Protein backbone atom coordinates (compact mmCIF):
# COMPACT_ATOMS: atom_id res chain seq x y z
CA MET A 1 -25.12 28.93 18.69
CA ILE A 2 -23.74 32.11 19.09
CA THR A 3 -20.77 32.60 21.26
CA THR A 4 -19.06 35.94 21.94
CA LEU A 5 -15.92 37.27 23.36
CA TYR A 6 -15.18 40.70 23.25
CA TYR A 7 -12.14 42.79 24.54
CA ARG A 8 -11.51 46.31 25.50
CA ASP A 9 -8.12 47.63 25.35
CA HIS A 10 -6.53 43.93 25.29
CA LYS A 11 -8.36 42.23 28.14
CA LEU A 12 -12.09 39.98 28.36
CA HIS A 13 -14.57 43.24 28.79
CA GLY A 14 -17.48 41.00 28.43
CA HIS A 15 -19.42 38.23 26.58
CA ASN A 16 -22.49 37.30 24.78
CA PRO A 17 -24.19 41.00 23.94
CA PRO A 18 -27.11 41.08 22.05
CA VAL A 19 -26.08 40.44 18.41
CA GLU A 20 -27.68 44.12 17.82
CA SER A 21 -25.08 45.71 19.68
CA LEU A 22 -22.30 43.40 17.51
CA ALA A 23 -21.69 46.12 14.87
CA ALA A 24 -20.98 49.05 17.15
CA LEU A 25 -18.79 46.83 19.10
CA ARG A 26 -16.64 46.52 15.98
CA ALA A 27 -16.71 50.36 14.49
CA GLU A 28 -14.55 50.97 17.99
CA PRO A 29 -11.28 50.93 17.33
CA ASN A 30 -9.90 49.45 20.83
CA VAL A 31 -12.22 45.92 20.73
CA MET A 32 -11.91 43.06 19.65
CA LEU A 33 -14.40 40.43 18.98
CA TRP A 34 -13.69 36.36 18.83
CA VAL A 35 -17.69 35.10 17.72
CA ASP A 36 -17.73 31.19 17.68
CA LEU A 37 -20.99 30.04 15.60
CA SER A 38 -21.48 26.75 16.90
CA ASP A 39 -24.38 24.81 14.69
CA PRO A 40 -26.01 27.78 13.75
CA THR A 41 -29.46 28.48 12.27
CA PRO A 42 -29.47 29.85 8.43
CA GLU A 43 -30.61 32.88 10.46
CA GLU A 44 -27.29 33.35 12.72
CA THR A 45 -25.19 32.49 9.91
CA LYS A 46 -26.44 35.40 8.22
CA ALA A 47 -26.72 37.59 10.76
CA ILE A 48 -23.01 37.24 11.39
CA LEU A 49 -20.82 36.16 8.15
CA GLU A 50 -23.03 38.61 5.84
CA ASP A 51 -24.68 41.26 7.71
CA LEU A 52 -22.30 42.06 10.07
CA PHE A 53 -19.06 41.31 8.25
CA GLY A 54 -20.27 41.12 5.33
CA PHE A 55 -17.73 38.47 3.62
CA HIS A 56 -17.31 36.90 0.40
CA PRO A 57 -20.25 34.91 -0.93
CA LEU A 58 -17.60 31.63 -2.03
CA VAL A 59 -16.11 31.99 1.73
CA ILE A 60 -19.96 31.99 3.33
CA GLU A 61 -20.39 28.84 0.45
CA ASP A 62 -17.25 27.29 1.87
CA CYS A 63 -18.34 27.57 5.66
CA VAL A 64 -21.93 26.25 5.33
CA SER A 65 -20.50 22.96 3.25
CA ASP A 66 -18.40 20.75 4.19
CA SER A 67 -14.96 20.77 2.84
CA PRO A 68 -12.79 17.75 2.79
CA LEU A 69 -9.51 19.28 2.72
CA PRO A 70 -7.69 22.06 4.88
CA LYS A 71 -7.34 25.03 2.86
CA LEU A 72 -6.23 28.90 3.48
CA GLU A 73 -7.13 31.99 1.62
CA THR A 74 -6.15 35.44 1.67
CA TYR A 75 -9.06 38.35 1.32
CA ASP A 76 -8.11 42.34 1.31
CA ASP A 77 -8.68 42.39 4.99
CA TYR A 78 -9.30 38.87 6.24
CA LEU A 79 -7.93 35.99 5.97
CA TYR A 80 -9.68 32.35 5.91
CA PHE A 81 -8.77 29.08 6.06
CA VAL A 82 -10.04 25.87 6.89
CA MET A 83 -8.90 23.07 9.70
CA HIS A 84 -10.33 19.97 10.67
CA ALA A 85 -10.15 18.65 14.83
CA VAL A 86 -9.85 15.28 14.92
CA ASP A 87 -11.88 12.65 17.09
CA TYR A 88 -10.84 9.23 17.90
CA SER A 89 -12.69 6.77 19.28
CA LYS A 90 -12.08 2.46 19.07
CA THR A 91 -15.34 2.26 17.60
CA ASP A 92 -15.80 4.95 15.67
CA LYS A 93 -11.97 5.13 14.93
CA PHE A 94 -11.15 8.38 13.33
CA THR A 95 -13.64 11.21 12.55
CA THR A 96 -13.31 15.03 11.99
CA THR A 97 -15.12 18.05 12.40
CA GLU A 98 -14.59 20.84 9.97
CA LEU A 99 -13.80 23.96 11.36
CA ASP A 100 -13.39 27.20 9.91
CA LEU A 101 -11.35 30.31 10.91
CA ILE A 102 -11.97 33.98 9.60
CA LEU A 103 -9.06 36.16 11.00
CA GLY A 104 -9.53 39.98 10.70
CA LYS A 105 -7.62 42.87 12.07
CA ASN A 106 -9.94 43.26 15.34
CA PHE A 107 -11.82 39.82 14.71
CA LEU A 108 -11.65 36.24 14.49
CA VAL A 109 -15.25 34.17 13.63
CA THR A 110 -15.08 30.49 14.24
CA PHE A 111 -17.92 28.48 12.23
CA HIS A 112 -18.10 24.91 13.04
CA ARG A 113 -21.30 22.17 12.84
CA GLN A 114 -20.39 19.62 15.82
CA PRO A 115 -19.58 21.07 19.35
CA LEU A 116 -15.66 21.03 19.42
CA LYS A 117 -14.16 20.25 22.26
CA PRO A 118 -10.95 22.28 21.65
CA VAL A 119 -13.15 25.90 20.59
CA GLN A 120 -14.87 25.36 23.86
CA ALA A 121 -11.48 24.94 25.89
CA ALA A 122 -10.32 27.82 24.56
CA LEU A 123 -13.43 29.82 25.37
CA ASP A 124 -13.16 28.10 28.75
CA ARG A 125 -9.93 29.18 29.53
CA CYS A 126 -10.69 32.53 27.49
CA GLN A 127 -13.03 33.58 30.40
CA ARG A 128 -11.15 32.22 33.68
CA THR A 129 -8.16 34.60 33.16
CA PRO A 130 -10.12 37.54 31.82
CA THR A 131 -7.10 39.82 32.83
CA THR A 132 -4.84 37.72 30.42
CA PRO A 133 -4.10 40.84 28.35
CA VAL A 134 -4.68 39.23 24.64
CA ARG A 135 -3.18 41.83 21.59
CA GLY A 136 -4.80 40.14 18.73
CA PRO A 137 -6.84 38.19 17.20
CA ASP A 138 -4.46 35.56 15.80
CA ARG A 139 -3.12 34.67 19.26
CA PHE A 140 -6.84 33.28 19.38
CA ALA A 141 -6.24 31.42 16.30
CA HIS A 142 -3.19 29.76 17.65
CA THR A 143 -4.68 28.81 21.12
CA LEU A 144 -7.49 26.79 19.15
CA LEU A 145 -4.78 25.11 16.69
CA ASP A 146 -2.50 24.58 19.46
CA LEU A 147 -5.46 22.67 21.13
CA MET A 148 -6.56 21.16 17.91
CA VAL A 149 -2.84 19.25 18.00
CA GLU A 150 -3.26 18.42 21.67
CA ALA A 151 -6.89 16.50 20.89
CA TYR A 152 -4.14 14.07 18.73
CA LYS A 153 -2.13 12.49 22.04
CA PRO A 154 -4.93 10.43 23.24
CA ALA A 155 -5.16 8.74 19.58
CA LEU A 156 -1.63 8.25 19.58
CA ASP A 157 -1.62 6.94 23.30
CA GLU A 158 -4.08 4.25 21.52
CA LEU A 159 -2.39 3.78 18.68
CA ARG A 160 0.29 3.06 20.49
CA GLU A 161 -0.78 0.87 22.75
CA GLU A 162 -2.78 -1.46 19.79
CA ILE A 163 0.82 -1.90 18.11
CA GLU A 164 2.77 -2.66 21.35
CA TRP A 165 0.07 -5.22 21.62
CA ILE A 166 0.35 -6.58 18.42
CA GLU A 167 3.91 -6.79 18.85
CA SER A 168 3.49 -8.87 22.02
CA ALA A 169 1.06 -11.26 20.04
CA VAL A 170 3.84 -11.84 17.82
CA LEU A 171 6.39 -12.91 20.25
CA ALA A 172 3.41 -14.79 22.10
CA ASN A 173 2.19 -17.21 18.74
CA VAL A 174 -1.08 -15.66 18.79
CA GLN A 175 -3.10 -17.44 16.21
CA GLY A 176 -3.13 -15.37 12.72
CA ARG A 177 -7.27 -15.20 12.58
CA ASP A 178 -6.83 -12.78 15.31
CA LEU A 179 -3.65 -11.18 14.43
CA PHE A 180 -4.00 -10.63 10.62
CA PRO A 181 -6.88 -8.61 10.40
CA ARG A 182 -6.16 -5.70 13.61
CA VAL A 183 -2.84 -5.38 11.78
CA VAL A 184 -5.11 -4.99 8.46
CA ALA A 185 -7.10 -2.30 10.78
CA LEU A 186 -4.47 -0.67 12.29
CA ARG A 187 -2.81 -0.17 9.08
CA LYS A 188 -6.18 1.50 7.33
CA GLU A 189 -6.07 3.92 11.26
CA LEU A 190 -2.44 4.61 10.30
CA THR A 191 -3.18 5.98 6.30
CA GLN A 192 -6.25 7.78 7.57
CA LEU A 193 -4.11 9.71 10.26
CA ARG A 194 -1.85 10.26 7.67
CA GLN A 195 -3.93 11.83 5.26
CA ILE A 196 -5.67 14.07 7.86
CA VAL A 197 -2.57 15.49 9.28
CA ARG A 198 -0.50 16.05 6.03
CA PRO A 199 -2.71 18.58 4.50
CA GLN A 200 -3.17 20.73 8.18
CA ARG A 201 0.32 20.66 8.56
CA GLU A 202 0.97 22.51 4.93
CA VAL A 203 -1.47 24.85 6.16
CA ALA A 204 -0.04 25.92 9.43
CA THR A 205 4.15 25.85 8.13
CA GLU A 206 2.29 28.32 5.31
CA LEU A 207 0.68 30.53 8.21
CA ALA A 208 4.11 30.42 9.87
CA LEU A 209 5.96 31.82 6.89
CA GLY A 210 4.59 35.18 7.86
CA LYS A 211 3.37 35.91 4.62
CA ALA A 212 -0.06 37.18 5.78
CA ARG A 213 0.02 40.43 7.06
CA LEU A 214 -3.02 39.39 9.37
CA ILE A 215 -0.95 37.63 11.64
CA ARG A 216 1.98 39.56 14.17
CA ALA A 217 5.58 38.20 14.03
CA THR A 218 5.75 37.55 17.74
CA ILE A 219 2.93 34.67 16.83
CA LEU A 220 5.02 33.25 14.34
CA PRO A 221 7.70 30.97 16.57
CA TYR A 222 4.11 29.44 18.50
CA LEU A 223 2.94 28.83 14.93
CA ARG A 224 6.23 27.24 13.44
CA ASP A 225 6.25 24.88 16.45
CA LEU A 226 2.85 23.61 15.47
CA ALA A 227 3.76 22.58 12.06
CA GLU A 228 6.53 21.07 13.09
CA ASP A 229 4.50 19.21 16.36
CA LEU A 230 1.90 18.63 13.06
CA ALA A 231 5.19 17.17 11.00
CA HIS A 232 6.28 15.00 14.24
CA ILE A 233 2.86 13.28 14.12
CA GLU A 234 3.06 12.52 10.64
CA ASN A 235 6.40 10.90 11.05
CA GLN A 236 5.33 9.00 13.62
CA ALA A 237 2.65 7.82 11.76
CA ILE A 238 4.72 6.82 9.05
CA SER A 239 7.11 5.00 11.77
CA TRP A 240 4.28 3.01 13.12
CA ALA A 241 3.31 1.73 10.06
CA ASP A 242 7.07 0.78 8.69
CA GLN A 243 6.94 -1.16 12.48
CA LEU A 244 3.58 -2.63 11.95
CA ILE A 245 4.61 -4.14 8.25
CA LEU A 246 7.99 -5.34 9.98
CA SER A 247 6.35 -7.23 12.67
CA PHE A 248 4.09 -8.96 10.49
CA ARG A 249 6.83 -10.13 8.50
CA VAL A 250 8.08 -11.55 11.66
CA TYR A 251 5.04 -13.26 12.28
CA LEU A 252 5.08 -14.68 8.93
CA ASN A 253 8.50 -16.07 9.03
CA LYS A 254 8.15 -17.23 12.26
CA SER A 255 5.23 -19.08 11.29
CA SER A 256 6.63 -20.42 8.00
CA HIS A 257 9.74 -21.63 10.20
CA GLU A 258 8.03 -23.49 12.57
CA ALA A 259 5.72 -24.93 9.68
CA ASN A 260 9.22 -25.89 8.14
CA GLN A 261 9.48 -27.91 11.25
CA GLY A 262 6.62 -29.76 11.01
CA ILE A 263 7.40 -30.60 7.74
CA ARG A 264 11.19 -31.96 8.75
CA VAL A 265 9.43 -34.03 11.78
CA LEU A 266 7.00 -35.92 8.94
CA THR A 267 9.62 -35.81 6.45
CA ALA A 268 12.25 -37.85 9.10
CA LEU A 269 8.96 -39.86 10.26
CA THR A 270 7.95 -41.28 6.63
CA ALA A 271 12.03 -42.12 6.47
CA LEU A 272 12.47 -43.85 9.53
CA THR A 273 9.58 -46.14 8.47
CA LEU A 274 10.82 -46.94 4.99
CA PRO A 275 13.38 -49.92 6.01
CA PRO A 276 10.49 -51.63 7.54
CA LEU A 277 8.38 -50.98 4.90
CA LEU A 278 10.96 -52.64 2.30
CA ILE A 279 12.21 -55.49 4.50
CA GLY A 280 8.47 -56.17 5.73
CA GLY A 281 7.41 -56.06 1.70
CA TRP A 282 10.46 -58.30 1.13
CA PHE A 283 9.32 -61.26 3.82
CA GLY A 284 5.58 -60.61 3.12
CA MET A 285 5.51 -61.93 -0.67
CA ASN A 286 4.11 -64.86 -1.21
CA PHE A 287 6.16 -66.71 -3.33
CA GLU A 288 5.87 -70.97 -3.26
CA HIS A 289 9.56 -71.08 -2.95
CA MET A 290 10.81 -68.73 -0.26
CA THR A 291 14.02 -69.92 0.99
CA GLU A 292 14.28 -66.95 3.49
CA LEU A 293 10.88 -68.42 5.01
CA ASP A 294 12.00 -71.79 5.72
CA SER A 295 14.43 -70.96 8.65
CA SER A 296 14.03 -71.01 11.96
CA TYR A 297 15.96 -67.86 11.91
CA SER A 298 14.11 -66.06 9.72
CA TYR A 299 12.04 -63.82 12.17
CA PRO A 300 14.85 -62.74 14.45
CA ILE A 301 16.81 -62.08 11.57
CA ALA A 302 14.20 -59.72 9.77
CA ALA A 303 13.23 -57.69 13.31
CA VAL A 304 17.29 -57.24 13.56
CA LEU A 305 17.60 -56.15 10.19
CA THR A 306 14.39 -53.82 10.56
CA LEU A 307 15.85 -52.05 14.01
CA ALA A 308 19.36 -51.62 12.56
CA SER A 309 18.38 -50.38 9.55
CA ILE A 310 15.89 -47.77 11.57
CA GLY A 311 18.44 -47.17 13.91
CA GLY A 312 21.54 -46.63 11.08
CA MET A 313 18.64 -44.36 9.05
CA ALA A 314 18.29 -42.14 12.31
CA TYR A 315 21.79 -42.28 12.73
CA PHE A 316 22.55 -40.84 9.40
CA MET A 317 19.68 -38.23 9.69
CA ARG A 318 20.83 -37.00 13.09
CA LYS A 319 24.64 -36.47 11.68
CA ARG A 320 23.26 -34.24 8.71
CA ARG A 321 20.88 -32.75 11.19
CA TRP A 322 17.46 -33.24 9.48
CA LEU A 323 16.75 -34.33 12.88
């Protein structure tokens, strides 16, 4: 599908004119075009990218084939760069959709295979404010990039909630079989987030340097702010990953401490039963001439000796803080 906005004298003049008229509009000195191709057919791709604008074959090839990483390339009269819009859900986790942007002196062409909320939001915003002047296509590009960064906020909010749950679970003694898979899954998501954001931050930083002549100086501060936002997201992911590892170490130390406490209790019980076992073993020997068994006081003596030895052992262990 092809969506076109065309501006005359920096103000919105119309949208979706016939494709056949775009060549004439592009030739006018005071007209600016934004052409968006959303899951276009091969015929639409050829009509816009090849016939209307005559882009380099490598640019067309990069548009129609997925690029795993963002990129930035400068040509004679246009700037080509690739970014990735992010979508996040608890079921599918992080998924990205490639957005190709071709920025010229009086046009912006965007190309994507899947519907993108940032692109649609930018188109709707432009049509809601038709009287707002737009001085150049670089403003369109910044608006798109800014909305793409805004799309990270729901994902960041969900990740923050997940980390807070894990921290609460550590303090609430949640079973490891419930906690460990979520820690591993969240760690993987944070790593994936960093892998998505880092190359895009590098592209945004490169754009903000002002080396591209098609980007006006008035847009550079906005691009620098964009690069800072992406850097903040990346640093946040790194901080959360460290925080996650720290929480899990606390859980492991706590589990180890509780296990040690159990072992200490079992060891103490074993030590307390040692005197009765020794005394009972002695009096239970079946020797024929055991004078200890001939006295009528043998049982009381054995009982008192058993209780006294248990009490003495308990006193000794408590004094040494083993109990």
